[in-house]
Amino acid sequence: MKVGMLWFDNDPGRNMAQKVGRAARHYRQKFGRQPNVCYVHPSMLDGDSCHLERLKIAPKSSILKHHFWIGEEEVNLAVR
């Protein structure tokens, strides 16, 4: 991802889906585009990665806890 938005949410009353959903809504309002990836600190996920609708949530150790690096991952399509 070359361009994205950093979102912070440490509200214990919201679950991961709610936090990522709020970040995605703000991203759509700000950029007019749908994000397709959100990187979070590995401790915030139970496994390697998961999906929330069309949004991939993936661990990245360089992201601080309670921060969400959300944006559009480039799709590399090889033409044969």
Protein backbone atom coordinates (compact mmCIF):
# COMPACT_ATOMS: atom_id res chain seq x y z
CA MET A 1 0.00 0.00 0.00
CA LYS A 2 1.51 3.31 -1.07
CA VAL A 3 -1.20 5.62 0.29
CA GLY A 4 -3.42 5.02 3.28
CA MET A 5 -4.87 6.58 6.38
CA LEU A 6 -3.85 6.00 9.97
CA TRP A 7 -6.78 5.63 12.36
CA PHE A 8 -6.65 5.39 16.16
CA ASP A 9 -9.34 3.76 18.29
CA ASN A 10 -8.70 2.43 21.80
CA ASP A 11 -12.34 2.42 22.95
CA PRO A 12 -12.83 -0.80 24.97
CA GLY A 13 -16.57 -0.63 24.26
CA ARG A 14 -16.07 -1.33 20.55
CA ASN A 15 -15.00 -4.64 19.06
CA MET A 16 -12.55 -5.03 16.17
CA ALA A 17 -15.29 -5.09 13.51
CA GLN A 18 -16.76 -1.83 14.80
CA LYS A 19 -13.37 -0.11 14.95
CA VAL A 20 -12.38 -1.18 11.45
CA GLY A 21 -15.87 -0.32 10.16
CA ARG A 22 -15.59 3.23 11.52
CA ALA A 23 -12.14 3.63 9.96
CA ALA A 24 -13.42 2.32 6.61
CA ARG A 25 -16.39 4.72 6.64
CA HIS A 26 -14.11 7.67 7.34
CA TYR A 27 -11.73 6.56 4.58
CA ARG A 28 -14.64 6.39 2.08
CA GLN A 29 -15.85 9.85 3.12
CA LYS A 30 -12.38 11.36 2.90
CA PHE A 31 -11.13 9.73 -0.33
CA GLY A 32 -14.34 8.67 -2.09
CA ARG A 33 -12.95 5.16 -2.55
CA GLN A 34 -13.40 1.80 -0.86
CA PRO A 35 -10.41 0.56 1.19
CA ASN A 36 -9.52 -3.10 0.72
CA VAL A 37 -6.90 -3.65 3.43
CA CYS A 38 -6.37 -2.68 7.06
CA TYR A 39 -3.12 -3.45 8.89
CA VAL A 40 -3.17 -3.82 12.67
CA HIS A 41 -0.73 -4.86 15.39
CA PRO A 42 -0.50 -8.70 15.47
CA SER A 43 -1.74 -8.83 19.07
CA MET A 44 -5.10 -7.45 17.90
CA LEU A 45 -5.80 -10.53 15.75
CA ASP A 46 -6.36 -14.14 16.75
CA GLY A 47 -4.80 -15.52 13.57
CA ASP A 48 -2.83 -14.49 10.51
CA SER A 49 -5.51 -12.40 8.82
CA CYS A 50 -9.26 -12.15 8.47
CA HIS A 51 -11.85 -10.41 6.34
CA LEU A 52 -14.63 -7.99 7.16
CA GLU A 53 -16.89 -7.92 4.12
CA ARG A 54 -14.49 -6.93 1.28
CA LEU A 55 -11.80 -5.62 3.63
CA LYS A 56 -8.77 -7.74 4.52
CA ILE A 57 -7.49 -7.24 8.07
CA ALA A 58 -3.84 -8.26 8.31
CA PRO A 59 -1.17 -8.16 11.02
CA LYS A 60 1.87 -5.91 10.68
CA SER A 61 4.36 -5.66 13.53
CA SER A 62 5.29 -2.05 12.74
CA ILE A 63 1.73 -0.85 13.53
CA LEU A 64 1.18 0.27 17.12
CA LYS A 65 -1.65 -1.20 19.19
CA HIS A 66 -5.02 0.46 18.68
CA HIS A 67 -3.86 1.95 15.36
CA PHE A 68 -5.31 0.97 12.00
CA TRP A 69 -3.40 1.57 8.75
CA ILE A 70 -6.24 1.42 6.23
CA GLY A 71 -6.20 1.96 2.50
CA GLU A 72 -6.02 0.33 -0.89
CA GLU A 73 -3.58 -2.46 -1.53
CA GLU A 74 -2.41 -2.61 -5.11
CA VAL A 75 -3.63 -5.69 -6.93
CA ASN A 76 -0.85 -7.12 -9.04
CA LEU A 77 -2.44 -8.95 -11.96
CA ALA A 78 -0.02 -10.80 -14.20
CA VAL A 79 -1.04 -10.88 -17.85
CA ARG A 80 -0.15 -14.06 -19.68
